[in-house]
Amino acid sequence: MWFNLFLGWLIKGGITRWGGYKVYQTARPFFFGLIIGDCAAGAIWITVGFLTGVGLNILPD
C-alpha cells in the first residue's frame, strides 16, 4: 500500500511543479473519480457475491 501512496504523492508533486495550482485543481476531479470508481466496483462485486452466495476475499491474506 505504501507504493500507491508514494505514486500518488509523486504524481501530485509533478502536476503542481510543472502545471501549477490551476492544473492541479483541474486534475483533482479525475483522481477523485478513479477512487470513487474503484469503490463502486468493489461494492458491486460484494453485492454480487452476497446475492449469489459466493465468497469474495477483499483483503489479501
C-alpha atoms as a PDB file:
ATOM      1  CA  MET A   1       0.000   0.000   0.000  1.00  0.00           C
ATOM      2  CA  TRP A   2       2.937   2.334   0.563  1.00  0.00           C
ATOM      3  CA  PHE A   3       3.775   2.254  -3.147  1.00  0.00           C
ATOM      4  CA  ASN A   4       0.306   3.552  -4.068  1.00  0.00           C
ATOM      5  CA  LEU A   5       0.679   6.436  -1.631  1.00  0.00           C
ATOM      6  CA  PHE A   6       4.148   7.201  -2.954  1.00  0.00           C
ATOM      7  CA  LEU A   7       2.911   7.101  -6.543  1.00  0.00           C
ATOM      8  CA  GLY A   8       0.039   9.483  -5.745  1.00  0.00           C
ATOM      9  CA  TRP A   9       2.402  11.847  -3.963  1.00  0.00           C
ATOM     10  CA  LEU A  10       4.807  11.709  -6.922  1.00  0.00           C
ATOM     11  CA  ILE A  11       2.060  12.457  -9.459  1.00  0.00           C
ATOM     12  CA  LYS A  12       0.725  15.320  -7.335  1.00  0.00           C
ATOM     13  CA  GLY A  13       4.209  16.736  -6.988  1.00  0.00           C
ATOM     14  CA  GLY A  14       4.768  16.584 -10.728  1.00  0.00           C
ATOM     15  CA  ILE A  15       1.438  18.190 -11.517  1.00  0.00           C
ATOM     16  CA  THR A  16       1.966  21.054  -9.086  1.00  0.00           C
ATOM     17  CA  ARG A  17       5.598  21.564 -10.081  1.00  0.00           C
ATOM     18  CA  TRP A  18       5.160  21.663 -13.848  1.00  0.00           C
ATOM     19  CA  GLY A  19       1.494  22.527 -14.209  1.00  0.00           C
ATOM     20  CA  GLY A  20       0.870  24.765 -11.262  1.00  0.00           C
ATOM     21  CA  TYR A  21      -2.067  25.075  -8.939  1.00  0.00           C
ATOM     22  CA  LYS A  22      -4.556  25.648 -11.773  1.00  0.00           C
ATOM     23  CA  VAL A  23      -3.724  22.298 -13.421  1.00  0.00           C
ATOM     24  CA  TYR A  24      -3.840  20.615 -10.006  1.00  0.00           C
ATOM     25  CA  GLN A  25      -7.353  21.972  -9.413  1.00  0.00           C
ATOM     26  CA  THR A  26      -8.388  20.804 -12.894  1.00  0.00           C
ATOM     27  CA  ALA A  27      -6.952  17.284 -12.447  1.00  0.00           C
ATOM     28  CA  ARG A  28      -8.375  16.692  -8.973  1.00  0.00           C
ATOM     29  CA  PRO A  29     -11.874  15.582 -10.074  1.00  0.00           C
ATOM     30  CA  PHE A  30     -10.301  12.968 -12.369  1.00  0.00           C
ATOM     31  CA  PHE A  31      -8.397  11.382  -9.497  1.00  0.00           C
ATOM     32  CA  PHE A  32     -11.434  11.538  -7.196  1.00  0.00           C
ATOM     33  CA  GLY A  33     -13.333   9.758  -9.968  1.00  0.00           C
ATOM     34  CA  LEU A  34     -10.739   6.988 -10.001  1.00  0.00           C
ATOM     35  CA  ILE A  35     -11.145   6.498  -6.263  1.00  0.00           C
ATOM     36  CA  ILE A  36     -14.951   6.546  -6.398  1.00  0.00           C
ATOM     37  CA  GLY A  37     -14.966   4.185  -9.393  1.00  0.00           C
ATOM     38  CA  ASP A  38     -12.763   1.699  -7.575  1.00  0.00           C
ATOM     39  CA  CYS A  39     -15.037   1.792  -4.525  1.00  0.00           C
ATOM     40  CA  ALA A  40     -18.127   1.389  -6.712  1.00  0.00           C
ATOM     41  CA  ALA A  41     -16.648  -1.634  -8.495  1.00  0.00           C
ATOM     42  CA  GLY A  42     -15.832  -3.210  -5.131  1.00  0.00           C
ATOM     43  CA  ALA A  43     -19.350  -2.541  -3.861  1.00  0.00           C
ATOM     44  CA  ILE A  44     -20.874  -4.117  -6.960  1.00  0.00           C
ATOM     45  CA  TRP A  45     -18.764  -7.274  -6.599  1.00  0.00           C
ATOM     46  CA  ILE A  46     -19.573  -7.518  -2.887  1.00  0.00           C
ATOM     47  CA  THR A  47     -23.282  -7.252  -3.721  1.00  0.00           C
ATOM     48  CA  VAL A  48     -22.986  -9.898  -6.461  1.00  0.00           C
ATOM     49  CA  GLY A  49     -21.130 -12.177  -4.065  1.00  0.00           C
ATOM     50  CA  PHE A  50     -23.757 -11.680  -1.391  1.00  0.00           C
ATOM     51  CA  LEU A  51     -26.641 -12.397  -3.755  1.00  0.00           C
ATOM     52  CA  THR A  52     -25.022 -15.498  -5.284  1.00  0.00           C
ATOM     53  CA  GLY A  53     -23.585 -16.844  -2.043  1.00  0.00           C
ATOM     54  CA  VAL A  54     -20.057 -16.934  -3.409  1.00  0.00           C
ATOM     55  CA  GLY A  55     -17.429 -15.605  -1.018  1.00  0.00           C
ATOM     56  CA  LEU A  56     -15.087 -12.866  -2.112  1.00  0.00           C
ATOM     57  CA  ASN A  57     -11.783 -12.024  -0.454  1.00  0.00           C
ATOM     58  CA  ILE A  58     -11.381  -8.277  -0.397  1.00  0.00           C
ATOM     59  CA  LEU A  59      -8.215  -8.032   1.669  1.00  0.00           C
ATOM     60  CA  PRO A  60      -5.138 -10.089   0.924  1.00  0.00           C
ATOM     61  CA  ASP A  61      -4.207 -12.903   3.329  1.00  0.00           C
END
